[in-house]
Every structure is written in C-alpha cells, then in structure tokens.
C-alpha cells in the first residue's frame, strides 16, 4: 500500500444515553471543577528540523496538503499550534544537517559578521509560512550548537563548549557576544520572511555529547550565557522570549532551572524553561514560577509502529500517557513532540515514503490530536479528580468558553464512571482506541451537573462541553 487515507474525519459528536453501567465495571465518582484554575496552556507542537520540512515539501501537492492537514488542521487533524525550528550550525547542507547562517569564520569574534541567508533554511521557512496560514503564531527557534569555529573543539558536532564561557581557553577569543548576535540575526531573517520568532533558545541537550550537532553547557555556564544573550534579544526590538535549556532529561533540566533561578540576573532573562524526558521521565514540575515546556520527545523504539496499544512503549497509548503525565504531574505549559513526519523507522507521527510519494499515519498522531485539537492556546488546566485509579483524567477551560475533559482508561475492561461538574454543558465526545481515531462517540451524557461516561478498554476519550 503506497499510503493510507489521510483524513479521518469525525462526524458530529452526539450526546445520548450511556450504555447501562451493568454492562461495565462499577461506577466510580469523580469531579471536575472548571472554576479552579491550575496552569495556563501555551499549546502543543512539533518540529521538522534537520531538513524534515523539505521532505514534506517534496511530496506531490495533494499528499503535501494532506500531511499538513494532519498536523495543523483543527477540524480534521491535530491542530498543532507551536512549530519548533532548528537553528543550523553546519558548514554544509547535506541531509540531516542544518546549514549555518554564517558557515565561515568571519575572522574572529569581533570581526564584522558575514551572514548568508538562502530564504529557505532546509524547508523550514516554507513550513513556517504554511503553519502561519493554518493559524500558528508560536514559533520556537532553538540551536543545537554554535558553528564549530566558535567552540573549543572546532566542530559543530561532538560536544565542545562555546569559547569565552567559564572553564574554556580558546586561542580564537571570546565568542559569547558573537553567538548571541548570531541567534538574534536568525530571528531577523525570519522576520524578513514574514514569520515572527516568538521564542528563542541557545542550546539543545547541553548535558549530552553526540555525533551530530551538539554543544555542552554546565548549568552554571547556561546561567552565565543567559546574561549575555538576554540583553541582546531585548535590544533587537523583537518581542522574543528567551528559552532554556532543553536538557535531555527532566531531572537534568531541574539542575539547569535551579541554576538559573539561583541567579537573579539570569532568572530575569529566561521566560520559559524547556526540558526533554529522554534520559528520565517527567515526574514533577520544574522548580520555577516561569513557563515550562516539554520541548522535545518521541518514544524510543526500533521500528515504525502504527499501533494504538501493543505494549511496545512507542505506540499511541504510550504517547497519550506521556502527554497526560507531562500536563498533570509536570504541570507543563507546553508540549512539543519531536518529528511530525520523518522517514524509515521514525517514532514520529507520520512516516514519509523514502523516495516515494507516500505516507503512513501512526496512532501516535491521534493520541496527540485528542489533546491538541481541543485544548487551545491560552487554555487553563483546571482541577479534575477521578474516583477510579485506572482512569487518568485532566480538564481544561478554553478562552472561547468551551471546556475539555480527557479520560485515558488504562484498564483492560470497559469502565463506566460519573463526574460531578461545577459548570454543566452540552457534551460532544470523541474516542481513540485500536479501531477509532478521534471518532465521534455517543457514550457520554450530561444530566444536570453529572457527566456520565462509558469508556472502552484501553481508550482515550475527549469530551468537549459547551
């Protein structure tokens, strides 16, 4: 099969009587308090860095539009609202590299810069414009590394540290200011293309050394650089928020956040603390009152997987659990998946044909869409309590007045449950499981202030109240 149908269009959700509780597990009461505000939600997103954006653009016009709809369309797709862009550091433009806007040393850190801009950026400019047309306004640009000539190892890959930071001794001099200017210039280039970068980061996984673009910062060095970077961003006149530090593990990000929070000057410069749960999972919030994002994750695995629930750890159900835990235990304000679409054994949301005009969809997409399509930017998470330990429940209040309840049934049996609502409403419900993908369901009803739901085994149900 060259590709599967692109759009799984849910019909109008209906609200009818739930299947009688006698056919399911006993009811357990919970409650949703929409007036009890918790953290605001900035949005849900994805990335197409490392030239993955160009792979979408290379599809036929019809398939290209279908893939974009799957990722960005609010009615038929995931309606993602954050695009994470990769700031390049490589001197070449081969696949899986990101080309630098200054690939050649201009002659030292104080020499006039020699920026080059191709107006394309590995397809990311095209994708950003497409996303903007779908209504996306949040663009997070993040650097994996500085160009090699700015680092103490002379290479944009294999770790190394930015020259000028404490602990470095580079013959070429102090590149901190030049690197800050380099990042600001990247945002200026996008502004000229009609895309406003809203969030800007200077490091990705600074706790790891990898064979691809990477650069090390200790927590102290990250705090040090924010005090150089932040003022340069402010002087640019662009309304950009500084983000840090995209550590590879949530526990490691706690160390970076702690270091920044301990320095009053650094703390004032960072608007958003960003971390990844690769090395260890999200088990609690980052230690800051600032915004926090889970800014990159896809599950580990070795093959392409389209399953909803096969116990592989990289199926759709695993993604749904990760989203729930990040928003509830982690109290994160943003959730940014890694690749939206990539090749081969990707754990992305969509698999693109390698050399063919085709694509396939993973249930991971529909797990994310069950949250992102309905919980919109500037929503607020509210208090939700389940009376059944098998149910992972969270709830949200959107700025348009709609209210959302997500219920992940981790049990292998059907569960019927009730929730007391402080604000009632007319429900529309959607379910995702082995056979359905954000499909309208008639198994949820509201009578007075009681929401009753009949939940399929190992399923994710999203309820929208109006």
Protein backbone atom coordinates (compact mmCIF):
# COMPACT_ATOMS: atom_id res chain seq x y z
CA UNK A 1 0.00 0.00 0.00
CA UNK A 2 1.52 3.30 -1.05
CA UNK A 3 -0.30 5.29 1.58
CA UNK A 4 -3.27 5.14 3.91
CA UNK A 5 -6.17 7.62 3.76
CA UNK A 6 -5.00 10.95 5.04
CA UNK A 7 -8.02 12.29 6.79
CA UNK A 8 -10.01 10.51 9.40
CA UNK A 9 -12.91 12.87 9.66
CA UNK A 10 -15.02 12.66 12.77
CA UNK A 11 -18.71 13.24 12.30
CA UNK A 12 -20.71 15.45 14.55
CA UNK A 13 -20.42 14.10 18.08
CA UNK A 14 -23.74 13.15 19.59
CA UNK A 15 -24.81 13.15 23.21
CA UNK A 16 -27.02 10.21 24.08
CA UNK A 17 -27.58 7.88 26.96
CA UNK A 18 -24.55 5.89 28.01
CA UNK A 19 -24.62 2.11 27.86
CA UNK A 20 -26.08 0.90 31.15
CA UNK A 21 -23.49 0.50 33.90
CA UNK A 22 -24.49 -3.12 34.37
CA UNK A 23 -22.54 -3.97 31.21
CA UNK A 24 -19.36 -2.39 32.55
CA UNK A 25 -17.24 -2.16 35.67
CA UNK A 26 -18.93 -0.48 38.68
CA UNK A 27 -19.23 3.29 38.58
CA UNK A 28 -16.77 5.44 40.50
CA UNK A 29 -17.46 9.09 41.14
CA UNK A 30 -15.08 11.90 40.30
CA UNK A 31 -15.32 15.66 39.96
CA UNK A 32 -14.33 18.42 37.56
CA UNK A 33 -14.01 21.95 38.95
CA UNK A 34 -13.71 24.29 36.00
CA UNK A 35 -13.55 27.33 38.26
CA UNK A 36 -10.40 26.01 39.96
CA UNK A 37 -7.58 27.20 37.72
CA UNK A 38 -4.20 25.48 37.58
CA UNK A 39 -1.53 26.22 34.92
CA UNK A 40 -2.15 28.00 31.60
CA UNK A 41 -1.52 26.06 28.39
CA UNK A 42 0.61 27.69 25.68
CA UNK A 43 -0.04 24.97 23.13
CA UNK A 44 1.09 21.72 21.54
CA UNK A 45 3.67 21.46 18.81
CA UNK A 46 6.18 19.57 16.69
CA UNK A 47 9.41 20.05 14.76
CA UNK A 48 10.64 19.39 11.25
CA UNK A 49 14.27 20.34 11.86
CA UNK A 50 17.20 18.60 10.17
CA UNK A 51 15.61 19.08 6.73
CA UNK A 52 12.46 17.11 7.55
CA UNK A 53 10.39 20.10 6.46
CA UNK A 54 11.86 19.74 2.98
CA UNK A 55 10.67 16.13 2.87
CA UNK A 56 7.07 17.24 3.33
CA UNK A 57 7.51 19.90 0.66
CA UNK A 58 8.82 17.23 -1.71
CA UNK A 59 5.52 15.36 -1.75
CA UNK A 60 3.01 15.81 -4.55
CA UNK A 61 0.71 18.77 -4.00
CA UNK A 62 -2.15 16.56 -2.88
CA UNK A 63 -0.15 14.50 -0.41
CA UNK A 64 1.66 17.57 0.84
CA UNK A 65 -1.67 19.18 1.72
CA UNK A 66 -2.94 16.02 3.38
CA UNK A 67 0.14 15.76 5.62
CA UNK A 68 -0.09 19.44 6.53
CA UNK A 69 -3.77 18.97 7.35
CA UNK A 70 -2.97 16.00 9.58
CA UNK A 71 -0.53 18.07 11.58
CA UNK A 72 -2.15 21.51 11.55
CA UNK A 73 -5.84 21.36 10.65
CA UNK A 74 -8.07 21.94 13.70
CA UNK A 75 -11.07 20.16 12.20
CA UNK A 76 -9.56 17.02 10.72
CA UNK A 77 -6.02 16.83 12.13
CA UNK A 78 -4.06 17.56 15.27
CA UNK A 79 -4.38 21.35 15.09
CA UNK A 80 -0.84 21.79 16.45
CA UNK A 81 -0.06 25.37 17.45
CA UNK A 82 3.71 25.50 18.09
CA UNK A 83 6.42 24.94 15.47
CA UNK A 84 9.94 24.31 16.76
CA UNK A 85 12.62 25.39 14.30
CA UNK A 86 16.22 24.20 14.29
CA UNK A 87 18.92 26.88 14.04
CA UNK A 88 21.72 25.49 11.90
CA UNK A 89 25.43 25.24 12.70
CA UNK A 90 26.82 23.06 9.89
CA UNK A 91 29.04 24.32 7.09
CA UNK A 92 27.28 22.06 4.55
CA UNK A 93 23.70 21.34 3.57
CA UNK A 94 23.64 17.54 3.30
CA UNK A 95 20.55 15.72 4.52
CA UNK A 96 20.22 15.55 8.32
CA UNK A 97 22.41 18.64 8.75
CA UNK A 98 21.23 22.20 9.35
CA UNK A 99 23.25 24.80 7.47
CA UNK A 100 24.63 27.74 9.42
CA UNK A 101 23.73 31.33 8.55
CA UNK A 102 27.45 32.04 8.94
CA UNK A 103 29.24 28.87 7.81
CA UNK A 104 32.68 30.50 7.58
CA UNK A 105 34.62 32.19 10.38
CA UNK A 106 34.35 35.93 9.67
CA UNK A 107 37.83 36.46 11.11
CA UNK A 108 37.26 36.29 14.84
CA UNK A 109 34.58 37.18 17.37
CA UNK A 110 34.93 40.94 16.90
CA UNK A 111 35.14 40.90 13.09
CA UNK A 112 32.15 42.14 11.09
CA UNK A 113 29.79 39.18 10.63
CA UNK A 114 29.39 37.54 7.24
CA UNK A 115 25.88 36.16 7.39
CA UNK A 116 24.32 34.32 4.47
CA UNK A 117 20.63 33.61 4.09
CA UNK A 118 19.04 31.43 1.44
CA UNK A 119 15.45 32.23 2.41
CA UNK A 120 14.74 28.53 2.76
CA UNK A 121 16.50 27.13 5.84
CA UNK A 122 16.11 23.50 4.90
CA UNK A 123 12.44 23.94 4.07
CA UNK A 124 11.64 25.42 7.48
CA UNK A 125 10.74 28.86 6.10
CA UNK A 126 8.24 27.23 3.74
CA UNK A 127 6.79 25.15 6.58
CA UNK A 128 6.59 28.12 8.93
CA UNK A 129 4.61 30.04 6.32
CA UNK A 130 2.30 27.08 5.85
CA UNK A 131 1.82 26.80 9.62
CA UNK A 132 1.10 30.51 9.84
CA UNK A 133 -1.62 30.10 7.21
CA UNK A 134 -3.24 27.48 9.48
CA UNK A 135 -3.22 29.99 12.33
CA UNK A 136 0.02 29.09 14.12
CA UNK A 137 1.58 32.11 15.86
CA UNK A 138 4.10 30.43 18.18
CA UNK A 139 7.49 29.77 16.57
CA UNK A 140 10.26 28.44 18.81
CA UNK A 141 13.73 28.62 17.22
CA UNK A 142 16.40 26.62 19.03
CA UNK A 143 20.09 25.99 18.35
CA UNK A 144 21.72 22.59 18.73
CA UNK A 145 25.21 24.11 18.53
CA UNK A 146 27.20 27.17 17.60
CA UNK A 147 29.31 26.90 14.43
CA UNK A 148 32.49 24.94 15.08
CA UNK A 149 34.81 27.95 14.87
CA UNK A 150 33.05 29.44 17.91
CA UNK A 151 33.75 26.36 20.06
CA UNK A 152 36.71 24.93 21.90
CA UNK A 153 36.63 21.69 19.88
CA UNK A 154 36.45 23.41 16.48
CA UNK A 155 33.48 21.28 15.44
CA UNK A 156 29.75 21.92 15.47
CA UNK A 157 29.30 18.24 16.45
CA UNK A 158 30.76 16.08 19.21
CA UNK A 159 30.06 18.37 22.12
CA UNK A 160 32.58 21.06 22.83
CA UNK A 161 31.85 24.35 24.58
CA UNK A 162 31.28 27.91 23.45
CA UNK A 163 34.54 29.86 23.66
CA UNK A 164 34.51 32.53 26.35
CA UNK A 165 32.41 30.64 28.86
CA UNK A 166 33.96 29.96 32.24
CA UNK A 167 36.26 26.96 32.02
CA UNK A 168 37.24 27.50 28.37
CA UNK A 169 40.55 28.74 26.99
CA UNK A 170 40.34 29.38 23.25
CA UNK A 171 43.03 30.99 21.13
CA UNK A 172 40.30 32.44 18.91
CA UNK A 173 38.91 34.55 21.76
CA UNK A 174 35.54 35.08 23.44
CA UNK A 175 32.64 34.21 21.14
CA UNK A 176 29.78 34.67 23.59
CA UNK A 177 28.61 38.03 22.23
CA UNK A 178 29.05 36.96 18.62
CA UNK A 179 26.98 33.82 19.24
CA UNK A 180 24.21 35.84 20.88
CA UNK A 181 24.17 38.18 17.88
CA UNK A 182 24.15 35.18 15.54
CA UNK A 183 20.97 33.83 17.14
CA UNK A 184 19.26 37.22 17.04
CA UNK A 185 20.17 37.54 13.36
CA UNK A 186 18.47 34.22 12.66
CA UNK A 187 15.26 35.67 14.09
CA UNK A 188 15.72 38.80 11.96
CA UNK A 189 15.98 36.70 8.82
CA UNK A 190 12.67 35.02 9.66
CA UNK A 191 11.07 38.38 10.36
CA UNK A 192 12.03 39.45 6.82
CA UNK A 193 10.25 36.33 5.56
CA UNK A 194 7.09 37.35 7.40
CA UNK A 195 7.45 34.88 10.27
CA UNK A 196 7.86 36.26 13.80
CA UNK A 197 10.03 34.10 16.04
CA UNK A 198 8.35 34.23 19.44
CA UNK A 199 10.71 32.05 21.49
CA UNK A 200 14.48 31.69 21.08
CA UNK A 201 16.83 29.13 22.62
CA UNK A 202 20.61 28.86 22.52
CA UNK A 203 21.10 25.22 23.44
CA UNK A 204 19.65 21.76 22.93
CA UNK A 205 20.52 18.88 25.24
CA UNK A 206 23.58 20.60 26.73
CA UNK A 207 24.05 17.60 29.00
CA UNK A 208 24.90 15.28 26.06
CA UNK A 209 27.75 14.89 23.59
CA UNK A 210 26.52 13.46 20.29
CA UNK A 211 27.99 12.73 16.86
CA UNK A 212 25.64 15.29 15.31
CA UNK A 213 25.31 18.99 16.14
CA UNK A 214 25.80 19.35 19.90
CA UNK A 215 27.36 21.74 22.39
CA UNK A 216 27.89 21.36 26.12
CA UNK A 217 26.86 23.84 28.80
CA UNK A 218 27.02 23.15 32.51
CA UNK A 219 24.10 24.61 34.49
CA UNK A 220 26.42 27.40 35.65
CA UNK A 221 27.53 28.13 32.08
CA UNK A 222 23.93 28.23 30.88
CA UNK A 223 23.09 30.78 33.57
CA UNK A 224 26.21 32.74 32.57
CA UNK A 225 25.26 32.86 28.90
CA UNK A 226 21.67 33.96 29.53
CA UNK A 227 23.11 37.17 30.98
CA UNK A 228 24.84 37.85 27.64
CA UNK A 229 22.03 36.57 25.44
CA UNK A 230 19.02 38.15 27.14
CA UNK A 231 20.14 41.77 26.74
CA UNK A 232 20.95 41.20 23.06
CA UNK A 233 17.45 39.82 22.48
CA UNK A 234 15.89 42.82 24.20
CA UNK A 235 17.97 45.28 22.18
CA UNK A 236 16.78 43.69 18.96
CA UNK A 237 13.37 45.26 19.46
CA UNK A 238 11.68 41.98 18.59
CA UNK A 239 9.18 40.66 21.18
CA UNK A 240 11.03 37.38 21.70
CA UNK A 241 11.02 35.23 24.83
CA UNK A 242 14.28 33.54 25.89
CA UNK A 243 14.01 29.78 26.47
CA UNK A 244 16.45 27.45 28.21
CA UNK A 245 17.80 24.75 28.30
CA UNK A 246 16.23 21.73 26.57
CA UNK A 247 18.18 19.24 28.70
CA UNK A 248 17.89 15.61 27.58
CA UNK A 249 16.35 14.50 30.87
CA UNK A 250 13.71 16.13 33.05
CA UNK A 251 15.88 15.62 36.15
CA UNK A 252 18.80 17.25 34.34
CA UNK A 253 16.60 20.19 33.36
CA UNK A 254 15.79 20.63 37.04
CA UNK A 255 19.52 21.29 37.59
CA UNK A 256 19.61 23.91 34.82
CA UNK A 257 16.44 25.58 36.03
CA UNK A 258 17.77 25.60 39.59
CA UNK A 259 21.00 27.31 38.50
CA UNK A 260 19.12 29.99 36.55
CA UNK A 261 16.63 30.60 39.36
CA UNK A 262 19.50 30.99 41.83
CA UNK A 263 20.97 33.90 39.83
CA UNK A 264 18.63 36.94 39.94
CA UNK A 265 20.01 38.39 36.71
CA UNK A 266 19.79 35.12 34.78
CA UNK A 267 16.35 34.44 36.22
CA UNK A 268 15.04 37.73 34.87
CA UNK A 269 16.26 36.88 31.35
CA UNK A 270 14.62 33.46 30.94
CA UNK A 271 10.89 33.40 30.20
CA UNK A 272 10.43 29.68 29.53
CA UNK A 273 12.22 26.65 30.96
CA UNK A 274 12.35 23.81 28.46
CA UNK A 275 13.24 20.16 29.03
CA UNK A 276 13.11 16.72 27.41
CA UNK A 277 12.16 13.44 29.10
CA UNK A 278 14.52 11.14 27.19
CA UNK A 279 17.01 10.33 29.94
CA UNK A 280 14.33 10.22 32.63
CA UNK A 281 10.60 10.91 32.65
CA UNK A 282 8.54 13.83 33.86
CA UNK A 283 7.65 13.11 37.47
CA UNK A 284 7.10 16.61 38.82
CA UNK A 285 7.22 20.29 37.89
CA UNK A 286 10.39 22.23 37.19
CA UNK A 287 11.40 24.47 40.14
CA UNK A 288 10.27 27.80 38.73
CA UNK A 289 7.22 30.04 38.58
CA UNK A 290 8.06 30.82 34.93
CA UNK A 291 6.52 28.97 31.99
CA UNK A 292 7.75 25.40 31.44
CA UNK A 293 7.59 23.33 28.26
CA UNK A 294 8.26 19.74 27.45
CA UNK A 295 10.01 20.88 24.29
CA UNK A 296 11.01 17.61 22.63
CA UNK A 297 10.17 13.95 22.98
CA UNK A 298 9.25 10.92 20.97
CA UNK A 299 9.35 7.41 22.40
CA UNK A 300 12.36 5.16 21.97
CA UNK A 301 11.94 2.26 19.56
CA UNK A 302 13.48 0.44 16.64
CA UNK A 303 10.69 0.15 14.06
CA UNK A 304 7.88 2.15 12.52
CA UNK A 305 4.76 1.49 14.59
CA UNK A 306 1.16 2.35 13.73
CA UNK A 307 -0.44 0.51 16.67
CA UNK A 308 -2.58 2.05 19.36
CA UNK A 309 -1.78 -0.36 22.17
CA UNK A 310 0.74 -3.18 21.60
CA UNK A 311 2.86 -2.77 24.77
CA UNK A 312 5.84 -1.70 22.68
CA UNK A 313 6.30 1.52 24.61
CA UNK A 314 6.14 3.56 21.40
CA UNK A 315 2.54 3.04 20.42
CA UNK A 316 -0.23 5.62 20.58
CA UNK A 317 -1.26 4.67 24.09
CA UNK A 318 2.27 5.34 25.38
CA UNK A 319 2.15 8.83 23.87
CA UNK A 320 -1.25 9.52 25.45
CA UNK A 321 0.13 8.54 28.85
CA UNK A 322 3.16 10.77 28.34
CA UNK A 323 1.01 13.77 27.46
CA UNK A 324 -1.20 13.24 30.49
CA UNK A 325 1.73 12.89 32.88
CA UNK A 326 3.52 15.94 31.44
CA UNK A 327 0.49 18.19 31.84
CA UNK A 328 -0.58 16.89 35.25
CA UNK A 329 2.45 15.69 37.23
CA UNK A 330 4.80 18.00 35.30
CA UNK A 331 2.37 20.95 35.28
CA UNK A 332 3.89 21.92 31.92
CA UNK A 333 2.53 24.85 29.94
CA UNK A 334 3.56 23.48 26.55
CA UNK A 335 4.01 20.08 24.93
CA UNK A 336 6.18 19.82 21.80
CA UNK A 337 6.57 16.44 20.13
CA UNK A 338 9.72 15.70 18.12
CA UNK A 339 9.25 14.96 14.41
CA UNK A 340 5.80 15.41 12.97
CA UNK A 341 6.85 13.48 9.87
CA UNK A 342 10.07 11.67 9.01
CA UNK A 343 11.48 8.62 7.23
CA UNK A 344 12.12 4.95 7.89
CA UNK A 345 11.81 3.64 11.44
CA UNK A 346 10.78 7.05 12.75
CA UNK A 347 8.87 7.34 16.00
CA UNK A 348 7.31 10.48 14.57
CA UNK A 349 3.63 10.97 13.99
CA UNK A 350 3.75 10.29 10.24
CA UNK A 351 6.10 8.17 8.14
CA UNK A 352 7.02 9.67 4.79
CA UNK A 353 7.97 7.43 1.90
CA UNK A 354 11.72 7.40 1.31
CA UNK A 355 11.96 8.15 -2.39
CA UNK A 356 8.23 7.60 -2.93
CA UNK A 357 5.27 9.97 -2.92
CA UNK A 358 3.54 8.31 0.02
CA UNK A 359 2.97 8.46 3.76
CA UNK A 360 1.53 6.44 6.63
CA UNK A 361 -0.03 7.53 9.90
CA UNK A 362 0.77 6.28 13.39
CA UNK A 363 -1.77 6.21 16.20
CA UNK A 364 0.70 8.47 17.96
CA UNK A 365 -0.76 11.29 15.86
CA UNK A 366 -4.28 10.63 17.10
CA UNK A 367 -3.12 10.35 20.71
CA UNK A 368 -1.69 13.86 20.43
CA UNK A 369 -4.66 15.15 18.43
CA UNK A 370 -7.03 14.02 21.19
CA UNK A 371 -5.48 16.77 23.31
CA UNK A 372 -4.13 19.35 20.86
CA UNK A 373 -7.19 19.70 18.62
CA UNK A 374 -9.43 20.60 21.54
CA UNK A 375 -7.16 22.25 24.16
CA UNK A 376 -6.25 25.52 22.52
CA UNK A 377 -3.53 28.12 23.21
CA UNK A 378 -4.21 30.16 26.37
CA UNK A 379 -6.44 27.47 27.82
CA UNK A 380 -6.14 26.80 31.54
CA UNK A 381 -5.88 23.38 33.14
CA UNK A 382 -8.42 23.01 35.94
CA UNK A 383 -8.90 20.64 38.82
CA UNK A 384 -10.03 17.15 37.90
CA UNK A 385 -10.37 14.14 40.16
CA UNK A 386 -11.18 10.56 39.21
CA UNK A 387 -12.83 8.09 41.51
CA UNK A 388 -11.13 5.21 39.67
CA UNK A 389 -7.37 4.68 39.78
CA UNK A 390 -7.46 3.17 36.28
CA UNK A 391 -8.62 6.48 34.79
CA UNK A 392 -6.16 9.27 34.03
CA UNK A 393 -8.26 12.41 33.89
CA UNK A 394 -7.41 16.02 33.16
CA UNK A 395 -9.61 19.01 32.34
CA UNK A 396 -9.21 22.42 30.69
CA UNK A 397 -11.05 25.69 30.13
CA UNK A 398 -10.59 27.39 26.75
CA UNK A 399 -10.78 31.13 26.20
CA UNK A 400 -13.80 30.67 23.90
CA UNK A 401 -15.74 29.27 26.85
CA UNK A 402 -15.60 25.62 25.79
CA UNK A 403 -14.42 23.11 28.39
CA UNK A 404 -12.48 19.91 27.73
CA UNK A 405 -12.15 16.70 29.71
CA UNK A 406 -9.69 13.98 28.65
CA UNK A 407 -10.07 10.49 30.11
CA UNK A 408 -7.48 7.78 29.49
CA UNK A 409 -8.82 4.39 30.51
CA UNK A 410 -5.78 2.26 31.37
CA UNK A 411 -7.91 -0.73 32.34
CA UNK A 412 -8.32 -3.75 30.07
CA UNK A 413 -12.07 -3.63 30.73
CA UNK A 414 -14.87 -1.20 29.97
CA UNK A 415 -15.36 1.33 32.75
CA UNK A 416 -18.44 3.42 33.46
CA UNK A 417 -17.89 6.48 35.60
CA UNK A 418 -19.55 9.69 36.74
CA UNK A 419 -18.11 13.15 37.31
CA UNK A 420 -19.72 15.99 39.21
CA UNK A 421 -19.39 19.25 37.26
CA UNK A 422 -19.37 22.70 38.81
CA UNK A 423 -20.33 24.09 35.37
CA UNK A 424 -22.56 21.83 33.25
CA UNK A 425 -22.76 21.88 29.47
CA UNK A 426 -23.80 20.01 26.38
CA UNK A 427 -21.18 17.32 25.57
CA UNK A 428 -19.57 16.20 22.34
CA UNK A 429 -17.28 13.22 22.79
CA UNK A 430 -14.52 11.61 20.70
CA UNK A 431 -12.70 8.34 21.27
CA UNK A 432 -9.36 6.93 20.16
CA UNK A 433 -8.51 3.26 20.52
CA UNK A 434 -7.43 0.33 18.35
CA UNK A 435 -10.20 0.83 15.76
CA UNK A 436 -11.08 4.52 16.15
CA UNK A 437 -9.15 7.77 15.73
CA UNK A 438 -10.71 10.85 17.36
CA UNK A 439 -14.06 9.43 16.28
CA UNK A 440 -17.40 10.74 17.48
CA UNK A 441 -18.93 8.57 20.19
CA UNK A 442 -22.34 8.51 21.85
CA UNK A 443 -21.13 7.06 25.15
CA UNK A 444 -21.07 10.31 27.14
CA UNK A 445 -24.03 12.24 28.52
CA UNK A 446 -24.66 15.09 30.96
CA UNK A 447 -27.72 15.25 33.19
CA UNK A 448 -27.82 18.29 35.40
CA UNK A 449 -24.36 18.53 36.93
CA UNK A 450 -23.38 14.90 36.37
CA UNK A 451 -21.28 13.76 33.44
CA UNK A 452 -21.59 10.02 32.81
CA UNK A 453 -19.13 8.20 30.56
CA UNK A 454 -18.92 4.63 29.32
CA UNK A 455 -15.25 4.13 28.47
CA UNK A 456 -13.92 1.42 26.17
CA UNK A 457 -10.96 -0.66 27.35
CA UNK A 458 -7.57 0.98 26.85
CA UNK A 459 -9.07 4.04 25.19
CA UNK A 460 -8.70 7.81 25.24
CA UNK A 461 -11.93 9.82 25.34
CA UNK A 462 -12.08 13.58 24.85
CA UNK A 463 -15.23 15.39 25.96
CA UNK A 464 -15.96 18.96 24.88
CA UNK A 465 -18.61 20.82 26.85
CA UNK A 466 -20.33 23.94 25.57
